[in-house]
Each structure stands twice: as C-alpha cells, then as structure tokens.
C-alpha atoms as a PDB file:
ATOM      1  CA  MET A   1      25.195  35.910  79.374  1.00  0.00           C
ATOM      2  CA  ASN A   2      28.354  35.631  81.414  1.00  0.00           C
ATOM      3  CA  SER A   3      31.861  35.752  79.996  1.00  0.00           C
ATOM      4  CA  PHE A   4      33.189  32.372  78.926  1.00  0.00           C
ATOM      5  CA  SER A   5      36.498  30.926  80.017  1.00  0.00           C
ATOM      6  CA  LYS A   6      38.676  30.031  77.026  1.00  0.00           C
ATOM      7  CA  SER A   7      38.726  26.280  77.615  1.00  0.00           C
ATOM      8  CA  GLU A   8      34.931  26.032  77.910  1.00  0.00           C
ATOM      9  CA  ARG A   9      33.719  28.846  75.686  1.00  0.00           C
ATOM     10  CA  ALA A  10      32.487  26.847  72.682  1.00  0.00           C
ATOM     11  CA  SER A  11      30.634  24.394  74.934  1.00  0.00           C
ATOM     12  CA  ASP A  12      29.072  27.254  76.903  1.00  0.00           C
ATOM     13  CA  ILE A  13      27.944  29.065  73.757  1.00  0.00           C
ATOM     14  CA  GLU A  14      26.363  25.878  72.431  1.00  0.00           C
ATOM     15  CA  LEU A  15      24.636  25.328  75.767  1.00  0.00           C
ATOM     16  CA  ALA A  16      23.328  28.918  75.765  1.00  0.00           C
ATOM     17  CA  ILE A  17      21.728  28.322  72.363  1.00  0.00           C
ATOM     18  CA  MET A  18      20.358  24.920  73.314  1.00  0.00           C
ATOM     19  CA  GLN A  19      18.656  26.420  76.349  1.00  0.00           C
ATOM     20  CA  MET A  20      16.583  28.581  73.992  1.00  0.00           C
ATOM     21  CA  GLN A  21      15.315  25.648  71.936  1.00  0.00           C
ATOM     22  CA  ASP A  22      11.681  25.458  70.864  1.00  0.00           C
ATOM     23  CA  ALA A  23      10.512  22.041  69.716  1.00  0.00           C
ATOM     24  CA  GLU A  24       7.523  23.319  67.727  1.00  0.00           C
ATOM     25  CA  LYS A  25       9.591  25.965  65.974  1.00  0.00           C
ATOM     26  CA  ALA A  26      12.201  23.314  65.198  1.00  0.00           C
ATOM     27  CA  LYS A  27       9.594  21.239  63.334  1.00  0.00           C
ATOM     28  CA  VAL A  28       8.650  24.265  61.229  1.00  0.00           C
ATOM     29  CA  LEU A  29      12.295  25.014  60.420  1.00  0.00           C
ATOM     30  CA  MET A  30      13.023  21.413  59.460  1.00  0.00           C
ATOM     31  CA  ARG A  31      10.231  21.575  56.886  1.00  0.00           C
ATOM     32  CA  PHE A  32      11.232  25.065  55.696  1.00  0.00           C
ATOM     33  CA  PHE A  33      14.874  24.103  55.200  1.00  0.00           C
ATOM     34  CA  LYS A  34      13.994  20.822  53.452  1.00  0.00           C
ATOM     35  CA  THR A  35      15.607  18.317  55.808  1.00  0.00           C
ATOM     36  CA  GLY A  36      13.680  15.279  54.589  1.00  0.00           C
ATOM     37  CA  PRO A  37      15.162  12.304  52.686  1.00  0.00           C
ATOM     38  CA  GLY A  38      16.499  13.348  49.292  1.00  0.00           C
ATOM     39  CA  GLN A  39      16.025  17.058  49.971  1.00  0.00           C
ATOM     40  CA  TYR A  40      18.856  19.596  49.921  1.00  0.00           C
ATOM     41  CA  GLY A  41      18.995  19.856  53.729  1.00  0.00           C
ATOM     42  CA  GLU A  42      18.632  16.148  54.383  1.00  0.00           C
ATOM     43  CA  GLY A  43      19.562  15.213  57.949  1.00  0.00           C
ATOM     44  CA  ASP A  44      20.083  18.752  59.239  1.00  0.00           C
ATOM     45  CA  ARG A  45      18.990  19.179  62.848  1.00  0.00           C
ATOM     46  CA  PHE A  46      17.305  22.267  64.281  1.00  0.00           C
ATOM     47  CA  LEU A  47      16.733  23.534  67.799  1.00  0.00           C
ATOM     48  CA  GLY A  48      14.084  26.076  66.814  1.00  0.00           C
ATOM     49  CA  VAL A  49      16.115  29.148  67.826  1.00  0.00           C
ATOM     50  CA  THR A  50      15.465  32.317  65.833  1.00  0.00           C
ATOM     51  CA  ASN A  51      18.153  34.438  64.159  1.00  0.00           C
ATOM     52  CA  PRO A  52      17.663  37.439  66.491  1.00  0.00           C
ATOM     53  CA  LYS A  53      18.395  35.207  69.475  1.00  0.00           C
ATOM     54  CA  ILE A  54      21.452  33.731  67.783  1.00  0.00           C
ATOM     55  CA  ARG A  55      22.722  37.219  66.974  1.00  0.00           C
ATOM     56  CA  LEU A  56      22.305  38.209  70.612  1.00  0.00           C
ATOM     57  CA  VAL A  57      24.619  35.361  71.593  1.00  0.00           C
ATOM     58  CA  VAL A  58      27.061  36.441  68.888  1.00  0.00           C
ATOM     59  CA  ARG A  59      27.068  40.062  70.080  1.00  0.00           C
ATOM     60  CA  GLU A  60      27.771  39.067  73.661  1.00  0.00           C
ATOM     61  CA  SER A  61      30.430  36.467  72.957  1.00  0.00           C
ATOM     62  CA  TRP A  62      32.420  37.077  69.785  1.00  0.00           C
ATOM     63  CA  ARG A  63      35.132  39.280  71.289  1.00  0.00           C
ATOM     64  CA  GLN A  64      36.021  36.589  73.826  1.00  0.00           C
ATOM     65  CA  THR A  65      35.764  33.750  71.312  1.00  0.00           C
ATOM     66  CA  SER A  66      38.759  32.725  69.225  1.00  0.00           C
ATOM     67  CA  LEU A  67      38.470  31.631  65.608  1.00  0.00           C
ATOM     68  CA  GLU A  68      39.351  28.094  66.683  1.00  0.00           C
ATOM     69  CA  GLU A  69      36.459  28.089  69.144  1.00  0.00           C
ATOM     70  CA  ALA A  70      34.148  29.497  66.481  1.00  0.00           C
ATOM     71  CA  ALA A  71      35.224  26.639  64.203  1.00  0.00           C
ATOM     72  CA  GLU A  72      34.270  24.167  66.934  1.00  0.00           C
ATOM     73  CA  LEU A  73      30.756  25.618  66.816  1.00  0.00           C
ATOM     74  CA  VAL A  74      30.641  25.286  63.025  1.00  0.00           C
ATOM     75  CA  HIS A  75      31.288  21.552  63.460  1.00  0.00           C
ATOM     76  CA  SER A  76      28.126  21.183  65.570  1.00  0.00           C
ATOM     77  CA  VAL A  77      25.281  18.906  64.505  1.00  0.00           C
ATOM     78  CA  TRP A  78      22.856  21.732  65.345  1.00  0.00           C
ATOM     79  CA  HIS A  79      22.093  24.177  62.568  1.00  0.00           C
ATOM     80  CA  GLU A  80      21.711  27.191  64.856  1.00  0.00           C
ATOM     81  CA  VAL A  81      25.019  26.490  66.586  1.00  0.00           C
ATOM     82  CA  ARG A  82      26.789  26.318  63.211  1.00  0.00           C
ATOM     83  CA  CYS A  83      25.136  29.602  62.303  1.00  0.00           C
ATOM     84  CA  CYS A  84      26.388  31.178  65.528  1.00  0.00           C
ATOM     85  CA  GLY A  85      29.951  30.011  64.888  1.00  0.00           C
ATOM     86  CA  LEU A  86      29.899  31.405  61.354  1.00  0.00           C
ATOM     87  CA  LEU A  87      28.497  34.748  62.485  1.00  0.00           C
ATOM     88  CA  ILE A  88      31.246  34.983  65.099  1.00  0.00           C
ATOM     89  CA  MET A  89      33.746  34.449  62.286  1.00  0.00           C
ATOM     90  CA  VAL A  90      32.078  37.261  60.322  1.00  0.00           C
ATOM     91  CA  GLU A  91      32.578  39.615  63.272  1.00  0.00           C
ATOM     92  CA  HIS A  92      36.249  38.647  63.459  1.00  0.00           C
ATOM     93  CA  TYR A  93      36.652  39.335  59.748  1.00  0.00           C
ATOM     94  CA  LYS A  94      34.939  42.727  59.958  1.00  0.00           C
ATOM     95  CA  TYR A  95      37.116  43.692  62.913  1.00  0.00           C
ATOM     96  CA  ALA A  96      40.286  42.667  61.066  1.00  0.00           C
ATOM     97  CA  MET A  97      39.117  44.544  57.968  1.00  0.00           C
ATOM     98  CA  ARG A  98      38.559  47.759  59.919  1.00  0.00           C
ATOM     99  CA  ARG A  99      42.085  47.457  61.291  1.00  0.00           C
ATOM    100  CA  HIS A 100      43.550  46.594  57.857  1.00  0.00           C
ATOM    101  CA  ASP A 101      44.918  43.428  59.455  1.00  0.00           C
ATOM    102  CA  GLU A 102      45.700  41.407  56.328  1.00  0.00           C
ATOM    103  CA  GLN A 103      47.082  38.421  58.223  1.00  0.00           C
ATOM    104  CA  SER A 104      43.930  38.011  60.313  1.00  0.00           C
ATOM    105  CA  MET A 105      41.673  38.481  57.288  1.00  0.00           C
ATOM    106  CA  LEU A 106      43.496  35.759  55.374  1.00  0.00           C
ATOM    107  CA  ARG A 107      43.406  33.473  58.405  1.00  0.00           C
ATOM    108  CA  MET A 108      39.634  33.878  58.631  1.00  0.00           C
ATOM    109  CA  VAL A 109      39.188  33.304  54.890  1.00  0.00           C
ATOM    110  CA  ASP A 110      41.296  30.129  54.970  1.00  0.00           C
ATOM    111  CA  LEU A 111      39.309  28.837  57.921  1.00  0.00           C
ATOM    112  CA  TYR A 112      35.981  29.576  56.231  1.00  0.00           C
ATOM    113  CA  ILE A 113      37.121  27.708  53.125  1.00  0.00           C
ATOM    114  CA  SER A 114      38.205  24.709  55.216  1.00  0.00           C
ATOM    115  CA  LEU A 115      34.744  24.558  56.819  1.00  0.00           C
ATOM    116  CA  HIS A 116      32.722  24.574  53.603  1.00  0.00           C
ATOM    117  CA  ASP A 117      31.331  21.070  54.228  1.00  0.00           C
ATOM    118  CA  TYR A 118      29.536  22.443  57.299  1.00  0.00           C
ATOM    119  CA  ILE A 119      28.166  25.531  55.535  1.00  0.00           C
ATOM    120  CA  ASN A 120      25.427  23.352  54.183  1.00  0.00           C
ATOM    121  CA  ASN A 121      22.209  25.310  53.897  1.00  0.00           C
ATOM    122  CA  TRP A 122      21.287  28.470  52.057  1.00  0.00           C
ATOM    123  CA  ASP A 123      20.867  30.678  55.118  1.00  0.00           C
ATOM    124  CA  LEU A 124      24.336  29.781  56.409  1.00  0.00           C
ATOM    125  CA  VAL A 125      25.746  30.836  53.046  1.00  0.00           C
ATOM    126  CA  ASP A 126      23.662  33.965  52.578  1.00  0.00           C
ATOM    127  CA  LEU A 127      24.212  35.356  56.076  1.00  0.00           C
ATOM    128  CA  THR A 128      27.985  35.040  55.998  1.00  0.00           C
ATOM    129  CA  VAL A 129      29.673  34.868  52.617  1.00  0.00           C
ATOM    130  CA  THR A 130      29.267  38.444  51.333  1.00  0.00           C
ATOM    131  CA  LYS A 131      30.999  39.982  54.352  1.00  0.00           C
ATOM    132  CA  THR A 132      33.830  37.445  54.287  1.00  0.00           C
ATOM    133  CA  LEU A 133      34.861  35.705  51.062  1.00  0.00           C
ATOM    134  CA  GLY A 134      32.970  38.217  48.940  1.00  0.00           C
ATOM    135  CA  ASP A 135      34.701  41.206  50.481  1.00  0.00           C
ATOM    136  CA  TYR A 136      38.054  39.457  50.346  1.00  0.00           C
ATOM    137  CA  GLU A 137      37.619  38.660  46.664  1.00  0.00           C
ATOM    138  CA  VAL A 138      36.804  42.296  45.871  1.00  0.00           C
ATOM    139  CA  THR A 139      39.889  43.599  47.645  1.00  0.00           C
ATOM    140  CA  HIS A 140      42.260  40.791  46.606  1.00  0.00           C
ATOM    141  CA  PRO A 141      42.018  40.230  42.824  1.00  0.00           C
ATOM    142  CA  LYS A 142      44.449  37.296  42.937  1.00  0.00           C
ATOM    143  CA  PHE A 143      42.040  35.306  45.131  1.00  0.00           C
ATOM    144  CA  LYS A 144      40.627  32.725  42.705  1.00  0.00           C
ATOM    145  CA  VAL A 145      39.017  30.063  44.920  1.00  0.00           C
ATOM    146  CA  LEU A 146      35.466  31.132  44.121  1.00  0.00           C
ATOM    147  CA  ASP A 147      36.196  31.203  40.392  1.00  0.00           C
ATOM    148  CA  GLU A 148      36.829  27.473  40.773  1.00  0.00           C
ATOM    149  CA  TRP A 149      33.928  26.740  43.091  1.00  0.00           C
ATOM    150  CA  ILE A 150      31.324  28.003  40.600  1.00  0.00           C
ATOM    151  CA  LYS A 151      32.290  25.292  38.113  1.00  0.00           C
ATOM    152  CA  PRO A 152      30.359  22.033  37.637  1.00  0.00           C
ATOM    153  CA  GLY A 153      31.676  19.233  39.801  1.00  0.00           C
ATOM    154  CA  HIS A 154      31.685  21.291  42.982  1.00  0.00           C
ATOM    155  CA  THR A 155      28.971  20.956  45.598  1.00  0.00           C
ATOM    156  CA  LEU A 156      25.687  22.817  45.586  1.00  0.00           C
ATOM    157  CA  TRP A 157      26.862  24.889  48.547  1.00  0.00           C
ATOM    158  CA  GLN A 158      30.276  25.719  47.106  1.00  0.00           C
ATOM    159  CA  ARG A 159      28.596  26.971  43.951  1.00  0.00           C
ATOM    160  CA  ARG A 160      26.037  28.991  45.915  1.00  0.00           C
ATOM    161  CA  ILE A 161      28.833  30.497  48.032  1.00  0.00           C
ATOM    162  CA  SER A 162      30.571  31.570  44.824  1.00  0.00           C
ATOM    163  CA  MET A 163      27.398  33.075  43.368  1.00  0.00           C
ATOM    164  CA  VAL A 164      26.214  34.941  46.464  1.00  0.00           C
ATOM    165  CA  ALA A 165      29.724  36.298  47.086  1.00  0.00           C
ATOM    166  CA  THR A 166      29.285  38.461  43.985  1.00  0.00           C
ATOM    167  CA  TRP A 167      26.943  40.700  45.981  1.00  0.00           C
ATOM    168  CA  ALA A 168      30.094  42.288  47.390  1.00  0.00           C
ATOM    169  CA  HIS A 169      31.147  43.083  43.809  1.00  0.00           C
ATOM    170  CA  VAL A 170      27.724  44.533  42.979  1.00  0.00           C
ATOM    171  CA  ARG A 171      28.036  46.950  45.882  1.00  0.00           C
ATOM    172  CA  LYS A 172      31.208  48.235  44.228  1.00  0.00           C
ATOM    173  CA  ASP A 173      29.491  48.492  40.822  1.00  0.00           C
ATOM    174  CA  GLU A 174      31.578  45.595  39.534  1.00  0.00           C
ATOM    175  CA  PHE A 175      29.448  43.147  37.543  1.00  0.00           C
ATOM    176  CA  CYS A 176      31.874  41.012  35.508  1.00  0.00           C
ATOM    177  CA  ARG A 177      32.177  38.097  37.937  1.00  0.00           C
ATOM    178  CA  LEU A 178      28.432  38.077  38.542  1.00  0.00           C
ATOM    179  CA  ILE A 179      27.709  37.779  34.816  1.00  0.00           C
ATOM    180  CA  VAL A 180      30.269  35.009  34.300  1.00  0.00           C
ATOM    181  CA  ARG A 181      29.029  32.986  37.259  1.00  0.00           C
ATOM    182  CA  ALA A 182      25.357  33.423  36.421  1.00  0.00           C
ATOM    183  CA  GLU A 183      26.110  32.141  32.910  1.00  0.00           C
ATOM    184  CA  MET A 184      27.783  29.069  34.418  1.00  0.00           C
ATOM    185  CA  LEU A 185      24.615  28.258  36.372  1.00  0.00           C
ATOM    186  CA  LEU A 186      22.211  28.430  33.436  1.00  0.00           C
ATOM    187  CA  ASN A 187      22.496  24.684  32.884  1.00  0.00           C
ATOM    188  CA  SER A 188      22.477  23.717  36.549  1.00  0.00           C
ATOM    189  CA  HIS A 189      19.683  21.448  37.765  1.00  0.00           C
ATOM    190  CA  ASP A 190      19.486  23.066  41.222  1.00  0.00           C
ATOM    191  CA  ASP A 191      16.749  25.615  41.884  1.00  0.00           C
ATOM    192  CA  LEU A 192      18.780  27.015  44.777  1.00  0.00           C
ATOM    193  CA  LEU A 193      21.491  28.007  42.319  1.00  0.00           C
ATOM    194  CA  HIS A 194      18.989  29.476  39.864  1.00  0.00           C
ATOM    195  CA  LYS A 195      17.499  31.522  42.710  1.00  0.00           C
ATOM    196  CA  ALA A 196      20.928  32.715  43.828  1.00  0.00           C
ATOM    197  CA  ALA A 197      21.887  33.808  40.303  1.00  0.00           C
ATOM    198  CA  GLY A 198      18.544  35.529  39.756  1.00  0.00           C
ATOM    199  CA  TRP A 199      18.840  37.273  43.107  1.00  0.00           C
ATOM    200  CA  MET A 200      22.289  38.659  42.269  1.00  0.00           C
ATOM    201  CA  LEU A 201      21.118  39.749  38.806  1.00  0.00           C
ATOM    202  CA  ARG A 202      18.227  41.567  40.484  1.00  0.00           C
ATOM    203  CA  GLU A 203      20.632  43.313  42.863  1.00  0.00           C
ATOM    204  CA  MET A 204      22.717  44.385  39.867  1.00  0.00           C
ATOM    205  CA  TYR A 205      19.592  45.789  38.189  1.00  0.00           C
ATOM    206  CA  LYS A 206      18.680  47.743  41.329  1.00  0.00           C
ATOM    207  CA  ARG A 207      22.147  49.188  41.699  1.00  0.00           C
ATOM    208  CA  SER A 208      22.385  51.695  38.853  1.00  0.00           C
ATOM    209  CA  GLU A 209      21.531  52.497  35.247  1.00  0.00           C
ATOM    210  CA  LEU A 210      24.621  50.528  34.275  1.00  0.00           C
ATOM    211  CA  GLY A 211      23.284  47.557  36.242  1.00  0.00           C
ATOM    212  CA  GLU A 212      19.938  47.846  34.458  1.00  0.00           C
ATOM    213  CA  ALA A 213      21.687  47.830  31.105  1.00  0.00           C
ATOM    214  CA  GLU A 214      23.812  44.821  32.092  1.00  0.00           C
ATOM    215  CA  LEU A 215      20.724  42.832  33.056  1.00  0.00           C
ATOM    216  CA  ILE A 216      18.928  43.678  29.819  1.00  0.00           C
ATOM    217  CA  SER A 217      22.010  42.589  27.889  1.00  0.00           C
ATOM    218  CA  PHE A 218      22.159  39.339  29.883  1.00  0.00           C
ATOM    219  CA  LEU A 219      18.485  38.618  29.219  1.00  0.00           C
ATOM    220  CA  ASP A 220      18.778  39.401  25.508  1.00  0.00           C
ATOM    221  CA  LYS A 221      21.658  36.945  25.262  1.00  0.00           C
ATOM    222  CA  HIS A 222      20.297  34.123  27.428  1.00  0.00           C
ATOM    223  CA  ILE A 223      16.507  34.420  27.564  1.00  0.00           C
ATOM    224  CA  GLY A 224      16.085  31.146  25.671  1.00  0.00           C
ATOM    225  CA  ASP A 225      18.314  29.291  28.128  1.00  0.00           C
ATOM    226  CA  MET A 226      17.246  30.841  31.430  1.00  0.00           C
ATOM    227  CA  PRO A 227      15.495  28.656  33.983  1.00  0.00           C
ATOM    228  CA  ALA A 228      12.102  30.126  34.866  1.00  0.00           C
ATOM    229  CA  VAL A 229      12.947  30.749  38.499  1.00  0.00           C
ATOM    230  CA  MET A 230      16.190  32.568  37.603  1.00  0.00           C
ATOM    231  CA  LEU A 231      14.259  34.831  35.245  1.00  0.00           C
ATOM    232  CA  SER A 232      11.556  35.445  37.840  1.00  0.00           C
ATOM    233  CA  TYR A 233      14.063  36.510  40.488  1.00  0.00           C
ATOM    234  CA  ALA A 234      16.099  38.624  38.068  1.00  0.00           C
ATOM    235  CA  CYS A 235      13.062  40.579  36.818  1.00  0.00           C
ATOM    236  CA  GLU A 236      11.374  41.043  40.180  1.00  0.00           C
ATOM    237  CA  LYS A 237      11.979  44.821  40.311  1.00  0.00           C
ATOM    238  CA  MET A 238      10.864  45.473  36.747  1.00  0.00           C
ATOM    239  CA  SER A 239       7.380  46.680  35.890  1.00  0.00           C
ATOM    240  CA  GLU A 240       4.670  44.074  35.465  1.00  0.00           C
ATOM    241  CA  ASP A 241       4.532  44.721  31.715  1.00  0.00           C
ATOM    242  CA  GLU A 242       8.296  44.167  31.421  1.00  0.00           C
ATOM    243  CA  ARG A 243       8.125  40.913  33.394  1.00  0.00           C
ATOM    244  CA  ILE A 244       5.304  39.635  31.203  1.00  0.00           C
ATOM    245  CA  GLU A 245       7.238  40.522  28.053  1.00  0.00           C
ATOM    246  CA  TRP A 246      10.363  38.653  29.198  1.00  0.00           C
ATOM    247  CA  ARG A 247       8.296  35.588  30.120  1.00  0.00           C
ATOM    248  CA  LYS A 248       6.703  35.653  26.661  1.00  0.00           C
ATOM    249  CA  ARG A 249      10.115  35.890  25.015  1.00  0.00           C
ATOM    250  CA  ARG A 250      11.383  32.963  27.070  1.00  0.00           C
ATOM    251  CA  LYS A 251       8.416  30.789  26.042  1.00  0.00           C
ATOM    252  CA  ALA A 252       8.861  31.792  22.412  1.00  0.00           C
END
C-alpha cells in the first residue's frame, strides 16, 4: 500500500479495506456478530474483511496516520473500518507509552473515551481496550472513568470495556478491580457481560496461586448468584471434577 497524503489518508485507508471485501464472508460475520433486529449488534455493517488483513493495513499506515484521522475511521459505518481506526489508535498509545509521553497517552485515552458510542461490538472492545484504557488505569490510579462505566445505567459496551480492561490489572497480579467489577455484573441481564466477567476471572485463576485462591474465594461467596455462563467461563481451566462440583453447588 502506498503512503497516504494527510488530507486523504482516512479515505484512502477506508478504500483499501473496502477493496478487500468479501460478500459471502460478510454474511457469515453479520450472523456471528448478531446484527439482526433486537440483537446486540443490530444494524452493524460488515465488508467481510478478516482481522489479519485489517492488521496489515494498520501496520503499513499507522505511523503516517494522525489520531484525528484514526477517529474519522472509527466513525465509519463499516465494522472493519472502525476496527482499523481503533487498532491505529492502539499503536499510537503503545508508541507514546514506550516513550513515556504522558501528554500523548492522555490525548489517546480521552479520544478513545469520546468514541465509545462507535466501539459497539465485543471484538472492537476486546482487541483494543486492554492496551489502552486498561494500561492507563493500571499506571494512573486517579483515573476513575472505568469505575463509573461498570455501574448499571451505562451501556452494554461501556460496561464490557470496564470489565475487559481489568486484564491489564491481572497481568500485574492486581485483582481488586476485577473482583469488584465482576460482582457488579452478577445481576446483569447481558450474557456478553457475564462472559466478559467469567473470562477475566479465568485469566486471574491462570495467573498464579494467588489468582487461584481469589477465584475460589469469589465462587464460595457468590456461587448462588452467579449466572451459569459466568461460572462456565470462570472455571474453564479447572479439572472436570472441579467444574462439576461447582455446577452442583450452584444448582443446590
């Protein structure tokens, strides 16, 4: 792919992705990401471009693409173009982090927060939040936005962003925020939030003996309240006998 001139870069990146579209793959993705009426991805539009192809575009373009141009991509109606814009923002954040450029990191975080309405499917969240807002939260204890977003009254995607961001904490052997946020999702009606909480609890369990102990403590405290899918995800790395025992305790 050729270098993009600044005034046309976002349009050229979008065009590069659109030229890789696959109509049959798009139909599969629209079903997979639940884009039908009343589903969580209702109305989302797909081109049928795979993640490896999107990442190729990101690799070849992010250094010449400003954050403002990346934001233009995140406003696109096309899912894959939004994904590309967000992944470009991730690269900018990682670059700023390596350089200890606090001003640029904060600028990226503020922009990501402002775009949350467009980060509206689970893959867009999961591919981008840990290396941006999650990392920033770990290194900036006064950053409290995600502590608010986990609360009832916020959107499904804000709450998932908050939950998945705790993966950055898990990698530092810090489990407090994960536990608090998982507890706040016990009474949620959204399977996508139950899955996110269970996934992070599983990652905590995998991390260390302390993580194992924290999960056991969480299950002992909440087994009667845990949605089935959250429990299933959380216990995935346990032995079969242990999983069966926890399911029995939940039913009891």
